[in-house]
Amino acid sequence: MSLYVYAITEASHPLRLDDLKGVGESSELRVVRGDSLCAVVSEAPEDLSVARRNLEAHHTVQERLWSDGVTLPLGFGFIAQDEEAVRAVLEQSAEQYTQRLAELTGRVEFNVKGVQDEDTLLRQIVEESDRIRELNEATREGRGSPEQRVELGQLVAQEVQARQEALAEQVVATLRPLGYAENLSAPSQQYFVNASFLVDGEKSEEFTNACAELSEQLPEGVELRLGGPLPPYSFA
């Protein structure tokens, strides 16, 4: 029987699971024990889907476990063949998992996303670049050649990228000293920076305050969105 695996914990973890339900219909939670580690599992549904109920169940189990002690939370949809397969992994990787649990003990994750208002950014670029302003005016008045329109698009794109890369570097460089580790995702059209930081629990308030102060220092139209403290999903 295949098993859905939620997290790995130390054997000493309280494992309060009685009032929780896992993913799928046959969702009773149980524990697979190795010598020094445990895995929290339930029977894997045959038709596992990314439904709201399943996602909520997955995160509720992980949040309960984390509230009682350090865990290694697994991503949604992790399936093992059976209990023996789970137990074998716990035994074979016991040293690695124990070390990782020690690194996560007393630490939490914060996620920082940076967004920038496109209209404000483009206005700033036009105001601060003589060549872009000249090309923009010519294009708006119908005087610009096809070559000039291409040049305008290229210059604007280059300026947007350069400014957002500089902002991302500023955000990460400012917050890095407050974290134990960091995990940077590639920038996207939506976020110029998307960074997760592993932070000592006792520094949570300091990290939050640093984000607030940094947000006030950033240019007009730039916003930092802070998530956390969270279980360290990005570092498990």
Protein backbone atom coordinates (compact mmCIF):
# COMPACT_ATOMS: atom_id res chain seq x y z
CA MET A 1 0.00 0.00 0.00
CA SER A 2 1.50 3.34 -1.07
CA LEU A 3 1.82 6.07 1.54
CA TYR A 4 1.54 9.83 1.46
CA VAL A 5 4.41 11.32 3.49
CA TYR A 6 4.06 14.67 5.28
CA ALA A 7 7.23 15.16 7.30
CA ILE A 8 10.19 13.61 9.04
CA THR A 9 10.77 14.22 12.74
CA GLU A 10 13.01 13.07 15.54
CA ALA A 11 11.71 10.13 17.59
CA SER A 12 11.25 12.46 20.56
CA HIS A 13 8.70 14.64 18.74
CA PRO A 14 5.26 14.75 20.48
CA LEU A 15 3.46 13.77 17.23
CA ARG A 16 0.03 15.07 18.26
CA LEU A 17 -2.04 13.70 15.37
CA ASP A 18 -5.26 12.35 16.89
CA ASP A 19 -7.56 15.20 15.81
CA LEU A 20 -6.05 15.74 12.36
CA LYS A 21 -7.04 14.41 8.95
CA GLY A 22 -4.69 13.93 6.03
CA VAL A 23 -5.17 14.17 2.28
CA GLY A 24 -7.73 12.04 0.49
CA GLU A 25 -10.72 10.16 1.88
CA SER A 26 -8.78 7.42 3.70
CA SER A 27 -6.80 10.02 5.56
CA GLU A 28 -6.02 8.61 9.01
CA LEU A 29 -2.55 9.69 10.06
CA ARG A 30 0.04 7.36 11.52
CA VAL A 31 3.76 7.19 12.24
CA VAL A 32 6.46 5.05 10.66
CA ARG A 33 9.37 4.74 13.10
CA GLY A 34 13.04 4.15 12.46
CA ASP A 35 15.71 3.94 15.15
CA SER A 36 16.02 7.69 15.77
CA LEU A 37 13.62 9.28 13.26
CA CYS A 38 9.94 9.08 12.38
CA ALA A 39 7.84 9.83 9.32
CA VAL A 40 4.24 10.99 9.50
CA VAL A 41 2.17 9.29 6.79
CA SER A 42 -1.32 8.34 5.68
CA GLU A 43 -2.65 6.02 3.02
CA ALA A 44 -2.08 7.63 -0.37
CA PRO A 45 -5.29 8.34 -2.31
CA GLU A 46 -5.50 6.65 -5.67
CA ASP A 47 -6.61 9.86 -7.37
CA LEU A 48 -4.53 12.47 -5.54
CA SER A 49 -5.36 15.94 -6.85
CA VAL A 50 -4.26 19.47 -6.03
CA ALA A 51 -7.66 20.23 -4.55
CA ARG A 52 -8.14 22.90 -1.90
CA ARG A 53 -9.13 20.36 0.73
CA ASN A 54 -5.98 18.30 0.12
CA LEU A 55 -3.69 21.31 0.18
CA GLU A 56 -5.24 22.56 3.41
CA ALA A 57 -4.92 19.12 5.02
CA HIS A 58 -1.28 18.86 3.97
CA HIS A 59 -0.36 22.25 5.43
CA THR A 60 -2.44 21.78 8.58
CA VAL A 61 -0.58 18.59 9.42
CA GLN A 62 2.78 20.23 8.79
CA GLU A 63 1.92 23.35 10.79
CA ARG A 64 0.78 21.25 13.78
CA LEU A 65 3.97 19.23 13.67
CA TRP A 66 6.12 22.34 13.40
CA SER A 67 4.31 24.04 16.29
CA ASP A 68 5.35 21.12 18.54
CA GLY A 69 8.95 20.78 17.40
CA VAL A 70 11.39 20.89 14.51
CA THR A 71 10.47 18.84 11.43
CA LEU A 72 11.55 18.27 7.85
CA PRO A 73 8.35 19.10 5.93
CA LEU A 74 7.97 17.40 2.55
CA GLY A 75 6.40 19.04 -0.47
CA PHE A 76 2.80 18.34 -1.43
CA GLY A 77 2.36 15.02 -3.24
CA PHE A 78 5.30 12.99 -1.90
CA ILE A 79 4.40 9.28 -2.21
CA ALA A 80 6.34 6.27 -0.92
CA GLN A 81 5.78 2.66 -1.97
CA ASP A 82 5.08 1.30 1.51
CA GLU A 83 6.18 1.41 5.15
CA GLU A 84 9.32 -0.59 4.46
CA ALA A 85 10.41 1.92 1.82
CA VAL A 86 9.84 4.78 4.26
CA ARG A 87 11.69 3.00 7.05
CA ALA A 88 14.60 2.20 4.72
CA VAL A 89 14.99 5.88 3.82
CA LEU A 90 14.87 6.88 7.49
CA GLU A 91 17.65 4.43 8.28
CA GLN A 92 19.83 5.06 5.24
CA SER A 93 19.71 8.86 5.54
CA ALA A 94 19.50 9.12 9.34
CA GLU A 95 22.76 11.06 9.70
CA GLN A 96 21.85 13.55 6.95
CA TYR A 97 18.31 14.11 8.28
CA THR A 98 19.49 14.45 11.88
CA GLN A 99 22.03 17.08 10.88
CA ARG A 100 19.39 18.98 8.91
CA LEU A 101 16.96 18.87 11.82
CA ALA A 102 19.68 20.31 14.05
CA GLU A 103 20.26 23.16 11.58
CA LEU A 104 16.55 24.00 11.53
CA THR A 105 16.05 23.84 15.29
CA GLY A 106 15.11 27.25 16.65
CA ARG A 107 14.89 28.79 13.18
CA VAL A 108 12.01 29.95 10.99
CA GLU A 109 11.56 30.96 7.37
CA PHE A 110 10.68 34.40 6.05
CA ASN A 111 9.80 34.98 2.42
CA VAL A 112 10.39 38.39 0.87
CA LYS A 113 8.85 39.34 -2.48
CA GLY A 114 9.47 42.64 -4.22
CA VAL A 115 6.94 44.19 -6.59
CA GLN A 116 7.25 47.38 -8.59
CA ASP A 117 4.45 49.43 -10.12
CA GLU A 118 5.04 49.33 -13.86
CA ASP A 119 3.58 52.74 -14.65
CA THR A 120 5.65 54.43 -11.96
CA LEU A 121 8.80 52.66 -13.13
CA LEU A 122 8.29 53.63 -16.78
CA ARG A 123 7.58 57.24 -15.80
CA GLN A 124 10.80 57.37 -13.80
CA ILE A 125 12.80 55.91 -16.68
CA VAL A 126 11.42 58.42 -19.19
CA GLU A 127 12.02 61.33 -16.83
CA GLU A 128 15.61 60.33 -16.04
CA SER A 129 16.88 59.33 -19.51
CA ASP A 130 17.26 62.02 -22.17
CA ARG A 131 17.51 59.52 -25.03
CA ILE A 132 14.51 57.47 -23.95
CA ARG A 133 12.46 60.64 -23.43
CA GLU A 134 13.41 61.87 -26.91
CA LEU A 135 12.49 58.57 -28.55
CA ASN A 136 9.28 58.29 -26.53
CA GLU A 137 8.13 61.78 -27.60
CA ALA A 138 8.92 61.06 -31.24
CA THR A 139 6.98 57.79 -31.09
CA ARG A 140 3.96 59.37 -29.40
CA GLU A 141 3.86 62.18 -31.99
CA GLY A 142 4.18 59.75 -34.90
CA ARG A 143 7.63 61.03 -35.91
CA GLY A 144 9.61 57.99 -34.88
CA SER A 145 11.03 55.62 -37.47
CA PRO A 146 10.72 51.83 -37.10
CA GLU A 147 14.37 51.76 -36.06
CA GLN A 148 13.76 54.33 -33.36
CA ARG A 149 10.79 52.38 -32.00
CA VAL A 150 12.97 49.27 -31.79
CA GLU A 151 15.69 51.27 -30.04
CA LEU A 152 13.16 52.69 -27.59
CA GLY A 153 11.90 49.23 -26.69
CA GLN A 154 15.41 47.89 -26.21
CA LEU A 155 16.55 50.82 -24.06
CA VAL A 156 13.48 50.64 -21.84
CA ALA A 157 13.82 46.87 -21.40
CA GLN A 158 17.51 47.24 -20.51
CA GLU A 159 16.76 50.00 -18.01
CA VAL A 160 13.95 48.03 -16.38
CA GLN A 161 16.19 45.00 -15.97
CA ALA A 162 19.12 47.02 -14.62
CA ARG A 163 16.96 48.84 -12.07
CA GLN A 164 15.21 45.72 -10.86
CA GLU A 165 18.48 43.79 -10.55
CA ALA A 166 19.91 46.65 -8.49
CA LEU A 167 16.84 46.66 -6.25
CA ALA A 168 17.05 42.90 -5.77
CA GLU A 169 20.72 43.13 -4.83
CA GLN A 170 19.93 45.88 -2.34
CA VAL A 171 17.17 43.85 -0.68
CA VAL A 172 19.22 40.66 -0.40
CA ALA A 173 22.38 42.45 0.76
CA THR A 174 20.46 44.28 3.48
CA LEU A 175 18.69 41.21 4.85
CA ARG A 176 21.43 38.61 4.36
CA PRO A 177 23.31 39.45 7.61
CA LEU A 178 20.16 38.67 9.62
CA GLY A 179 19.70 35.18 8.16
CA TYR A 180 21.42 31.85 8.70
CA ALA A 181 20.80 30.82 5.07
CA GLU A 182 18.96 32.07 2.01
CA ASN A 183 17.18 30.57 -0.97
CA LEU A 184 16.77 32.84 -4.01
CA SER A 185 14.21 32.12 -6.71
CA ALA A 186 14.67 33.48 -10.21
CA PRO A 187 13.03 36.89 -10.71
CA SER A 188 9.75 36.85 -12.59
CA GLN A 189 7.52 39.28 -14.41
CA GLN A 190 5.60 39.69 -11.15
CA TYR A 191 8.47 39.86 -8.62
CA PHE A 192 11.86 41.49 -9.08
CA VAL A 193 13.04 39.57 -6.02
CA ASN A 194 11.69 36.40 -4.42
CA ALA A 195 13.92 35.32 -1.56
CA SER A 196 13.48 33.02 1.41
CA PHE A 197 15.61 33.47 4.51
CA LEU A 198 16.24 31.00 7.32
CA VAL A 199 16.29 33.13 10.47
CA ASP A 200 16.98 32.38 14.12
CA GLY A 201 13.66 32.57 15.96
CA GLU A 202 15.02 35.13 18.39
CA LYS A 203 15.80 37.43 15.44
CA SER A 204 12.28 37.31 13.97
CA GLU A 205 11.31 40.75 15.23
CA GLU A 206 14.63 42.24 14.12
CA PHE A 207 14.17 40.74 10.64
CA THR A 208 10.60 42.04 10.40
CA ASN A 209 11.67 45.53 11.46
CA ALA A 210 14.56 45.51 8.98
CA CYS A 211 12.13 44.69 6.15
CA ALA A 212 9.84 47.53 7.19
CA GLU A 213 12.72 50.02 7.34
CA LEU A 214 14.08 48.86 3.99
CA SER A 215 10.65 49.17 2.37
CA GLU A 216 10.49 52.83 3.43
CA GLN A 217 13.88 53.51 1.84
CA LEU A 218 13.03 52.04 -1.55
CA PRO A 219 11.93 54.24 -4.47
CA GLU A 220 8.35 55.25 -5.15
CA GLY A 221 6.25 52.43 -6.54
CA VAL A 222 8.34 49.66 -4.94
CA GLU A 223 6.76 47.37 -2.33
CA LEU A 224 8.19 44.55 -0.23
CA ARG A 225 5.80 41.78 0.80
CA LEU A 226 6.90 39.79 3.83
CA GLY A 227 5.61 36.32 4.66
CA GLY A 228 6.45 34.64 7.94
CA PRO A 229 7.53 33.39 10.28
CA LEU A 230 6.83 30.06 8.55
CA PRO A 231 8.02 26.48 8.85
CA PRO A 232 11.26 26.31 6.81
CA TYR A 233 9.79 24.60 3.75
CA SER A 234 12.48 26.06 1.49
CA PHE A 235 15.32 24.67 3.61
CA ALA A 236 14.12 21.17 4.49
